[in-house]
Amino acid sequence: MGVVVPLPWFAHYAFRQLFPAHGHRRFTFAAAAGVAIGVAVLIVVLSVMDGFQWEIRRRLLQLHGEVAVLGEGSAFAAVDAWKERLEAMDQILEANPFYETFALAEFGGKYALPLALGLDGEAFPEGFAVVGAAVAEQLGTKPGDEMLIADPQTFLRNGEGEVQLPLPLNVLGSMSVRSGEMDGRRILLSRESLSRLFGEENCASGYEIKLAKGVEGEKLVEKLNGGLLPPFLRAMSWIDMNGELLSVLAMERAAMFFSMACIVVVTAFSMGSFLAAHVARLSREIGALRAMGCSGMDIGLTFVLQSVLIGFLGSCGGVAAGWALLHFRDGVLSFLVGAFGGGERLLSFYSISGLPALWRWSEVAKVCSMAVAVTAAAGLVPAIRSMGTEPSLALRHE
């Protein structure tokens, strides 16, 4: 046989005050709805901010990889030798060399100063290039055109010393992958061609490292910089390379959390104010309970428990509402764009086609715990007031 543990009397009393058999329950549902709105807004904001961070992280990893080995200062030679040494490590699957520098591009009398990225592979044969969308628009190039790129230092030397002739390149196409403004201002071509243009035969600026499955990038960076690399090479993780951007995103997320959390706090203390007025209205009833031997602690726990129940109900409703808003976020965004406008600029600025969102149960649990804790704290004021009620004075209260 199971053991039935009866609820304490104050738990039954708290529930009866919130949901009376014959009476108004509007306060309970209004207070829970207020908490639910705050929880839902907070969950939606955090999920959308996490979605933006995840999307940016995915694009950064596609562009740079988790780990890069970079040359300190100018480009370095012995590219193949260091490539073999790096790929000999069990943690590294591939070490792809690249050459990166600014170049002067010209077509039809128009000029641009893009970031030229030289890569190995069959996708970038000698004499051909892929142009970023922003550069293609600035120069007016299209697939099949022949453009010129040159070393900007050639023009700064005013004809002194050896002059490197511009390199003609056939445009294979333009990058329109919508992965950020930086990609649109790049030119991709053969590493051999680019290094030769700058007078550095078979040189590289660094290596993009492809990690083996299960390898942590931060630990590999520490290992490489711990003595495995020469002084002219340095390993960096994608977090180190994009630390400023990631810190800005983290600050934006923290600011949004603080702003939206105020909704929950305001709602909770509004509920606490109502409970304080409720204590004054129930003074005679509280005095009768004290006269029958109920302790002040039990009566105080009644109002704290009422606050916790409202916070729990509001949190459950907020989770449901937040999930629904995120599930139908594209429709909601389309409605807001149609009503207020400006949504196209937002999506264009972040180079996305829809509003990203990342649902994380750990964050949902933190939001709900905060909501319950804040509502419980708001219930302490009426609880303390009820604990100090004198039975003789309360019974005479009109």
Protein backbone atom coordinates (compact mmCIF):
# COMPACT_ATOMS: atom_id res chain seq x y z
CA MET A 1 0.00 0.00 0.00
CA GLY A 2 1.19 3.47 -0.81
CA VAL A 3 1.66 6.11 1.79
CA VAL A 4 -0.43 9.24 1.24
CA VAL A 5 1.23 12.35 2.55
CA PRO A 6 -1.37 15.07 3.22
CA LEU A 7 -0.57 18.58 2.09
CA PRO A 8 0.13 21.13 4.83
CA TRP A 9 -2.89 23.25 5.66
CA PHE A 10 -1.23 26.42 4.34
CA ALA A 11 -0.76 24.79 0.91
CA HIS A 12 -4.48 24.01 0.74
CA TYR A 13 -5.30 27.50 1.98
CA ALA A 14 -2.99 29.13 -0.62
CA PHE A 15 -4.59 27.11 -3.42
CA ARG A 16 -8.10 27.96 -2.21
CA GLN A 17 -7.25 31.67 -2.16
CA LEU A 18 -5.96 31.53 -5.74
CA PHE A 19 -8.73 29.31 -7.12
CA PRO A 20 -11.82 29.79 -4.93
CA ALA A 21 -14.73 27.45 -5.50
CA HIS A 22 -17.12 30.39 -5.65
CA GLY A 23 -15.41 33.62 -6.43
CA HIS A 24 -13.38 35.64 -8.84
CA ARG A 25 -10.20 34.12 -10.24
CA ARG A 26 -9.37 37.03 -12.50
CA PHE A 27 -6.39 38.13 -10.43
CA THR A 28 -4.79 34.72 -10.61
CA PHE A 29 -5.09 34.46 -14.38
CA ALA A 30 -4.13 38.12 -14.92
CA ALA A 31 -1.02 37.78 -12.76
CA ALA A 32 -0.04 34.48 -14.43
CA ALA A 33 -0.66 36.03 -17.87
CA GLY A 34 1.64 38.94 -17.02
CA VAL A 35 4.42 36.58 -15.98
CA ALA A 36 3.78 34.46 -19.09
CA ILE A 37 4.17 37.47 -21.37
CA GLY A 38 7.48 38.38 -19.77
CA VAL A 39 8.77 34.79 -19.95
CA ALA A 40 7.65 34.38 -23.56
CA VAL A 41 9.30 37.64 -24.66
CA LEU A 42 12.52 36.73 -22.84
CA ILE A 43 12.63 33.25 -24.39
CA VAL A 44 11.97 34.61 -27.88
CA VAL A 45 14.65 37.31 -27.58
CA LEU A 46 17.29 34.91 -26.23
CA SER A 47 16.44 32.24 -28.82
CA VAL A 48 16.68 34.73 -31.69
CA MET A 49 19.97 36.15 -30.37
CA ASP A 50 21.34 32.61 -29.99
CA GLY A 51 20.13 31.90 -33.52
CA PHE A 52 22.06 34.88 -34.88
CA GLN A 53 25.18 33.79 -32.98
CA TRP A 54 24.86 30.24 -34.28
CA GLU A 55 24.39 31.47 -37.86
CA ILE A 56 27.40 33.79 -37.65
CA ARG A 57 29.49 31.01 -36.08
CA ARG A 58 28.51 28.62 -38.88
CA ARG A 59 29.53 31.12 -41.54
CA LEU A 60 32.80 31.97 -39.82
CA LEU A 61 33.70 28.28 -39.62
CA GLN A 62 32.82 27.81 -43.28
CA LEU A 63 35.04 30.74 -44.21
CA HIS A 64 38.02 30.20 -41.92
CA GLY A 65 37.76 26.83 -40.19
CA GLU A 66 38.08 26.20 -36.47
CA VAL A 67 41.87 26.67 -36.36
CA ALA A 68 44.28 28.63 -38.55
CA VAL A 69 48.08 28.68 -38.52
CA LEU A 70 49.19 32.17 -39.56
CA GLY A 71 52.53 33.64 -40.49
CA GLU A 72 53.85 36.38 -38.22
CA GLY A 73 54.26 39.42 -40.48
CA SER A 74 55.08 38.68 -44.13
CA ALA A 75 54.44 35.50 -46.09
CA PHE A 76 56.68 32.48 -45.57
CA ALA A 77 58.20 29.84 -47.83
CA ALA A 78 58.67 26.08 -47.30
CA VAL A 79 54.90 25.76 -47.66
CA ASP A 80 54.84 22.07 -48.59
CA ALA A 81 57.24 21.08 -45.81
CA TRP A 82 55.15 22.62 -43.05
CA LYS A 83 51.98 21.29 -44.64
CA GLU A 84 53.37 17.74 -44.32
CA ARG A 85 54.43 18.32 -40.72
CA LEU A 86 51.02 19.61 -39.72
CA GLU A 87 49.11 16.83 -41.50
CA ALA A 88 51.35 14.25 -39.79
CA MET A 89 49.62 15.08 -36.49
CA ASP A 90 46.73 12.80 -35.54
CA GLN A 91 44.48 15.76 -34.62
CA ILE A 92 44.75 17.35 -38.09
CA LEU A 93 43.12 15.96 -41.23
CA GLU A 94 44.14 18.71 -43.67
CA ALA A 95 46.32 21.83 -43.65
CA ASN A 96 45.36 23.93 -46.67
CA PRO A 97 47.77 26.81 -47.43
CA PHE A 98 46.47 30.22 -48.50
CA TYR A 99 47.93 33.56 -49.48
CA GLU A 100 46.01 36.67 -48.45
CA THR A 101 46.73 40.31 -49.23
CA PHE A 102 45.13 43.46 -50.58
CA ALA A 103 45.39 43.94 -54.35
CA LEU A 104 44.47 46.69 -56.78
CA ALA A 105 41.82 45.53 -59.29
CA GLU A 106 40.96 47.30 -62.58
CA PHE A 107 38.36 46.79 -65.27
CA GLY A 108 37.08 49.25 -67.85
CA GLY A 109 38.73 52.22 -66.17
CA LYS A 110 37.18 51.41 -62.78
CA TYR A 111 39.27 50.47 -59.74
CA ALA A 112 38.77 48.59 -56.48
CA LEU A 113 40.97 47.49 -53.58
CA PRO A 114 39.64 44.04 -52.63
CA LEU A 115 41.13 41.45 -50.32
CA ALA A 116 42.71 38.87 -52.64
CA LEU A 117 42.71 35.30 -51.33
CA GLY A 118 44.92 32.75 -53.06
CA LEU A 119 43.85 29.12 -52.61
CA ASP A 120 45.03 25.74 -53.85
CA GLY A 121 42.81 23.37 -55.76
CA GLU A 122 41.29 22.68 -59.15
CA ALA A 123 38.53 25.25 -58.55
CA PHE A 124 41.09 28.06 -59.04
CA PRO A 125 43.21 27.35 -62.13
CA GLU A 126 45.93 29.72 -63.32
CA GLY A 127 44.56 32.90 -64.89
CA PHE A 128 41.03 32.66 -63.51
CA ALA A 129 39.30 34.24 -60.52
CA VAL A 130 36.00 34.36 -58.66
CA VAL A 131 34.99 37.90 -57.76
CA GLY A 132 32.93 38.96 -54.74
CA ALA A 133 29.53 40.47 -55.48
CA ALA A 134 30.48 43.90 -54.08
CA VAL A 135 33.70 44.02 -56.14
CA ALA A 136 31.89 42.84 -59.28
CA GLU A 137 29.31 45.60 -58.82
CA GLN A 138 31.98 48.23 -58.24
CA LEU A 139 34.02 47.22 -61.31
CA GLY A 140 31.09 46.23 -63.50
CA THR A 141 32.49 42.79 -64.31
CA LYS A 142 30.52 39.74 -65.39
CA PRO A 143 31.54 36.12 -66.12
CA GLY A 144 33.87 35.97 -69.14
CA ASP A 145 35.39 39.44 -68.68
CA GLU A 146 39.14 39.92 -68.25
CA MET A 147 40.24 42.12 -65.36
CA LEU A 148 43.65 43.13 -64.06
CA ILE A 149 45.03 42.94 -60.54
CA ALA A 150 48.31 44.47 -59.40
CA ASP A 151 50.44 44.99 -56.31
CA PRO A 152 49.49 48.42 -54.84
CA GLN A 153 53.12 48.89 -53.77
CA THR A 154 54.09 49.11 -57.44
CA PHE A 155 52.38 52.49 -57.73
CA LEU A 156 53.78 53.74 -54.42
CA ARG A 157 57.37 53.12 -55.56
CA ASN A 158 56.94 55.57 -58.49
CA GLY A 159 58.79 53.36 -60.94
CA GLU A 160 61.79 52.74 -58.66
CA GLY A 161 63.15 49.20 -58.55
CA GLU A 162 61.68 46.19 -60.31
CA VAL A 163 58.13 46.70 -61.56
CA GLN A 164 55.75 43.76 -61.41
CA LEU A 165 53.32 43.78 -64.31
CA PRO A 166 49.58 43.47 -63.55
CA LEU A 167 48.12 39.98 -63.69
CA PRO A 168 45.25 39.41 -66.16
CA LEU A 169 42.42 37.25 -64.80
CA ASN A 170 39.36 35.80 -66.48
CA VAL A 171 36.26 36.18 -64.32
CA LEU A 172 34.66 32.78 -63.70
CA GLY A 173 31.76 34.25 -61.74
CA SER A 174 30.83 36.26 -58.68
CA MET A 175 30.25 35.09 -55.12
CA SER A 176 26.62 35.49 -54.19
CA VAL A 177 26.46 33.07 -51.26
CA ARG A 178 25.21 35.87 -48.95
CA SER A 179 27.72 35.03 -46.25
CA GLY A 180 28.58 38.53 -45.16
CA GLU A 181 29.90 41.82 -46.49
CA MET A 182 33.52 40.68 -46.19
CA ASP A 183 32.99 37.85 -48.70
CA GLY A 184 31.53 40.32 -51.19
CA ARG A 185 34.78 42.32 -51.15
CA ARG A 186 37.08 39.39 -51.89
CA ILE A 187 38.71 37.99 -55.00
CA LEU A 188 39.50 34.27 -55.01
CA LEU A 189 42.24 33.01 -57.29
CA SER A 190 45.17 30.60 -57.46
CA ARG A 191 47.70 30.89 -54.61
CA GLU A 192 50.58 30.40 -57.04
CA SER A 193 49.40 33.28 -59.23
CA LEU A 194 48.83 35.64 -56.31
CA SER A 195 52.15 34.94 -54.59
CA ARG A 196 53.99 35.30 -57.92
CA LEU A 197 52.31 38.67 -58.51
CA PHE A 198 53.73 39.93 -55.21
CA GLY A 199 57.20 38.59 -56.01
CA GLU A 200 57.05 35.68 -53.57
CA GLU A 201 57.16 32.42 -55.48
CA ASN A 202 55.26 29.54 -53.79
CA CYS A 203 54.64 31.40 -50.53
CA ALA A 204 51.71 31.39 -48.12
CA SER A 205 50.22 33.58 -45.41
CA GLY A 206 48.99 30.62 -43.38
CA TYR A 207 47.08 27.34 -43.28
CA GLU A 208 43.43 26.57 -42.74
CA ILE A 209 43.30 23.52 -40.46
CA LYS A 210 40.64 20.84 -40.78
CA LEU A 211 40.37 18.99 -37.48
CA ALA A 212 39.80 15.30 -36.93
CA LYS A 213 36.48 14.32 -35.38
CA GLY A 214 36.27 15.03 -31.67
CA VAL A 215 39.31 17.31 -31.52
CA GLU A 216 38.88 20.55 -29.56
CA GLY A 217 40.30 23.55 -31.38
CA GLU A 218 41.37 25.42 -28.25
CA LYS A 219 43.46 22.51 -26.96
CA LEU A 220 45.10 22.03 -30.36
CA VAL A 221 46.01 25.75 -30.46
CA GLU A 222 47.67 25.48 -27.05
CA LYS A 223 49.60 22.41 -28.19
CA LEU A 224 50.80 24.02 -31.42
CA ASN A 225 51.83 27.27 -29.74
CA GLY A 226 53.52 25.33 -26.94
CA GLY A 227 56.63 24.64 -29.02
CA LEU A 228 55.52 22.65 -32.07
CA LEU A 229 55.50 25.71 -34.35
CA PRO A 230 58.50 27.88 -35.27
CA PRO A 231 58.62 31.55 -34.19
CA PHE A 232 57.29 32.78 -37.56
CA LEU A 233 54.08 30.72 -37.26
CA ARG A 234 51.27 31.08 -34.73
CA ALA A 235 48.07 29.06 -34.28
CA MET A 236 44.77 30.82 -33.60
CA SER A 237 41.28 29.48 -33.01
CA TRP A 238 38.24 30.92 -34.76
CA ILE A 239 37.24 32.48 -31.42
CA ASP A 240 40.57 34.35 -31.20
CA MET A 241 40.32 35.53 -34.82
CA ASN A 242 36.79 36.86 -34.31
CA GLY A 243 36.98 37.83 -30.65
CA GLU A 244 35.79 41.41 -31.15
CA LEU A 245 32.72 40.37 -33.14
CA LEU A 246 31.82 37.63 -30.65
CA SER A 247 32.22 39.98 -27.69
CA VAL A 248 29.86 42.50 -29.34
CA LEU A 249 27.28 39.76 -29.91
CA ALA A 250 27.61 38.59 -26.30
CA MET A 251 27.17 42.18 -25.08
CA GLU A 252 24.07 42.62 -27.26
CA ARG A 253 22.61 39.40 -25.88
CA ALA A 254 23.28 40.49 -22.29
CA ALA A 255 21.71 43.90 -22.94
CA MET A 256 18.61 42.33 -24.46
CA PHE A 257 18.32 39.90 -21.54
CA PHE A 258 18.53 42.75 -19.03
CA SER A 259 15.95 44.83 -20.90
CA MET A 260 13.44 42.02 -21.33
CA ALA A 261 13.94 40.69 -17.78
CA CYS A 262 12.55 44.00 -16.51
CA ILE A 263 9.14 42.91 -17.84
CA VAL A 264 9.16 39.88 -15.57
CA VAL A 265 10.34 41.95 -12.59
CA VAL A 266 7.69 44.64 -13.07
CA THR A 267 4.94 42.03 -13.44
CA ALA A 268 6.11 40.12 -10.38
CA PHE A 269 6.17 43.15 -8.10
CA SER A 270 2.83 44.34 -9.40
CA MET A 271 1.53 40.97 -8.29
CA GLY A 272 3.28 41.48 -4.95
CA SER A 273 1.52 44.82 -4.51
CA PHE A 274 -1.84 43.15 -5.09
CA LEU A 275 -1.00 40.43 -2.56
CA ALA A 276 -0.06 43.13 -0.03
CA ALA A 277 -3.50 44.70 -0.52
CA HIS A 278 -4.97 41.22 -0.31
CA VAL A 279 -3.35 40.76 3.13
CA ALA A 280 -4.97 43.97 4.35
CA ARG A 281 -8.36 42.78 3.09
CA LEU A 282 -7.97 39.41 4.83
CA SER A 283 -6.82 40.87 8.14
CA ARG A 284 -9.80 39.45 10.08
CA GLU A 285 -9.33 36.02 8.53
CA ILE A 286 -5.59 36.07 9.27
CA GLY A 287 -6.33 37.15 12.86
CA ALA A 288 -8.77 34.24 13.24
CA LEU A 289 -6.14 31.80 11.98
CA ARG A 290 -3.59 33.19 14.43
CA ALA A 291 -6.15 32.95 17.26
CA MET A 292 -6.69 29.27 16.43
CA GLY A 293 -2.99 28.61 16.92
CA CYS A 294 -1.56 28.95 13.43
CA SER A 295 1.96 30.28 13.51
CA GLY A 296 3.02 33.42 11.70
CA MET A 297 5.51 31.35 9.66
CA ASP A 298 2.74 29.14 8.27
CA ILE A 299 0.62 32.13 7.31
CA GLY A 300 3.64 33.79 5.68
CA LEU A 301 4.36 30.62 3.72
CA THR A 302 0.81 30.79 2.38
CA PHE A 303 1.51 34.01 0.49
CA VAL A 304 4.98 32.91 -0.62
CA LEU A 305 3.43 29.72 -1.98
CA GLN A 306 0.79 31.74 -3.81
CA SER A 307 3.55 33.75 -5.49
CA VAL A 308 5.44 30.59 -6.45
CA LEU A 309 2.28 29.04 -7.92
CA ILE A 310 1.63 32.16 -10.00
CA GLY A 311 5.24 32.15 -11.17
CA PHE A 312 5.05 28.47 -12.09
CA LEU A 313 1.79 28.88 -14.00
CA GLY A 314 3.11 31.95 -15.77
CA SER A 315 6.35 30.15 -16.68
CA CYS A 316 4.46 27.21 -18.19
CA GLY A 317 2.28 29.57 -20.20
CA GLY A 318 5.32 31.60 -21.24
CA VAL A 319 7.16 28.51 -22.51
CA ALA A 320 4.14 27.49 -24.58
CA ALA A 321 3.68 31.01 -25.97
CA GLY A 322 7.40 31.40 -26.70
CA TRP A 323 7.53 28.09 -28.56
CA ALA A 324 4.49 29.07 -30.63
CA LEU A 325 5.97 32.47 -31.53
CA LEU A 326 9.27 30.90 -32.56
CA HIS A 327 7.55 28.15 -34.52
CA PHE A 328 5.58 30.71 -36.54
CA ARG A 329 8.29 33.40 -36.46
CA ASP A 330 8.51 33.73 -40.24
CA GLY A 331 4.79 34.48 -40.48
CA VAL A 332 5.03 36.90 -37.56
CA LEU A 333 8.02 38.62 -39.18
CA SER A 334 6.19 38.91 -42.51
CA PHE A 335 3.23 40.50 -40.73
CA LEU A 336 5.47 43.00 -38.90
CA VAL A 337 7.34 43.83 -42.10
CA GLY A 338 4.05 44.46 -43.88
CA ALA A 339 2.75 46.58 -41.02
CA PHE A 340 5.83 48.61 -40.13
CA GLY A 341 8.40 47.95 -42.87
CA GLY A 342 12.18 47.84 -42.48
CA GLY A 343 12.45 44.07 -42.20
CA GLU A 344 14.14 43.72 -45.58
CA ARG A 345 16.97 45.97 -44.44
CA LEU A 346 17.46 43.91 -41.30
CA LEU A 347 17.66 40.63 -43.23
CA SER A 348 19.87 42.21 -45.88
CA PHE A 349 22.23 43.61 -43.25
CA TYR A 350 22.73 40.18 -41.69
CA SER A 351 22.66 38.49 -45.15
CA ILE A 352 19.94 36.03 -44.15
CA SER A 353 16.69 34.96 -45.76
CA GLY A 354 14.77 34.28 -42.56
CA LEU A 355 14.87 34.97 -38.84
CA PRO A 356 17.19 32.41 -37.17
CA ALA A 357 16.34 30.95 -33.78
CA LEU A 358 17.97 28.38 -31.53
CA TRP A 359 15.84 26.72 -28.84
CA ARG A 360 17.93 25.63 -25.88
CA TRP A 361 16.24 23.93 -22.96
CA SER A 362 19.01 25.04 -20.61
CA GLU A 363 18.21 28.69 -21.35
CA VAL A 364 14.47 28.03 -21.03
CA ALA A 365 15.06 26.45 -17.62
CA LYS A 366 17.11 29.49 -16.51
CA VAL A 367 14.38 31.90 -17.60
CA CYS A 368 11.66 29.92 -15.83
CA SER A 369 13.75 29.60 -12.66
CA MET A 370 14.36 33.35 -12.69
CA ALA A 371 10.64 34.04 -13.13
CA VAL A 372 9.65 31.77 -10.23
CA ALA A 373 12.42 33.22 -8.02
CA VAL A 374 11.39 36.81 -8.78
CA THR A 375 7.70 36.13 -8.11
CA ALA A 376 8.61 34.34 -4.88
CA ALA A 377 10.69 37.36 -3.84
CA ALA A 378 7.77 39.65 -4.66
CA GLY A 379 5.59 37.59 -2.32
CA LEU A 380 7.94 38.13 0.62
CA VAL A 381 6.53 41.61 1.38
CA PRO A 382 2.93 40.48 1.95
CA ALA A 383 4.25 37.36 3.71
CA ILE A 384 6.28 39.38 6.20
CA ARG A 385 3.32 41.72 6.74
CA SER A 386 0.99 38.81 7.46
CA MET A 387 3.50 37.25 9.88
CA GLY A 388 3.48 40.40 11.99
CA THR A 389 -0.33 40.54 12.30
CA GLU A 390 -1.57 40.71 15.91
CA PRO A 391 -4.69 38.49 16.39
CA SER A 392 -6.48 40.91 18.77
CA LEU A 393 -6.00 43.89 16.46
CA ALA A 394 -6.83 41.93 13.32
CA LEU A 395 -10.10 40.62 14.76
CA ARG A 396 -11.25 44.18 15.45
CA HIS A 397 -10.35 45.25 11.88
CA GLU A 398 -13.21 46.54 9.75
